[in-house]
Amino acid sequence: PHMKAVLEQVHPNLRISPSALQAVEARVWSTFKAVVESLELGGPVAAEQVEAAVRRVLPGELAKHAVSEGGKAVAKWPAHRNAGLTFPVADVVTLLTEQLAERYAETARSAPDSRVAAVYLAAVSEYVCA
């Protein structure tokens, strides 16, 4: 439901078919997983690590704008609830933790910065969706 809300917010005069929405969801999810898999971890996950992973995964201008959106969201958080994003940061924290647990169980359980990283990743995912 969050991806449809993002698309309606960005493109209010357009409609999207269920199959097209499913394709968008698949693309956003595959980008999310690719970014998480590209993280270079040695401790807690920080926004800077997510930024570096985004730059490795996304091409040129797409990476540039996604990084910009991630930075803006992190700057707003925690002063603005959910960092001004449509994607729920709490859900992204859960998804990030689950994905990291598969590769880095100790890090995922002891990552105090994972919420900031999740804000960044939520903003990038939202940008890719739009």
Foldseek 3Di string as FASTA:
>chain_A
DLLLVLCCVVPVPDDDDPVRSVVLVVVLVVLLLQLLVQFDDDAADALVSSLVSLPVRDDDPLSVVLQVQLVQQLVQPPVDPLSPGSPRLVVLLVVSLVSVCVPPVVRSVHHPRSSSNSSSSRRSSSSSSD
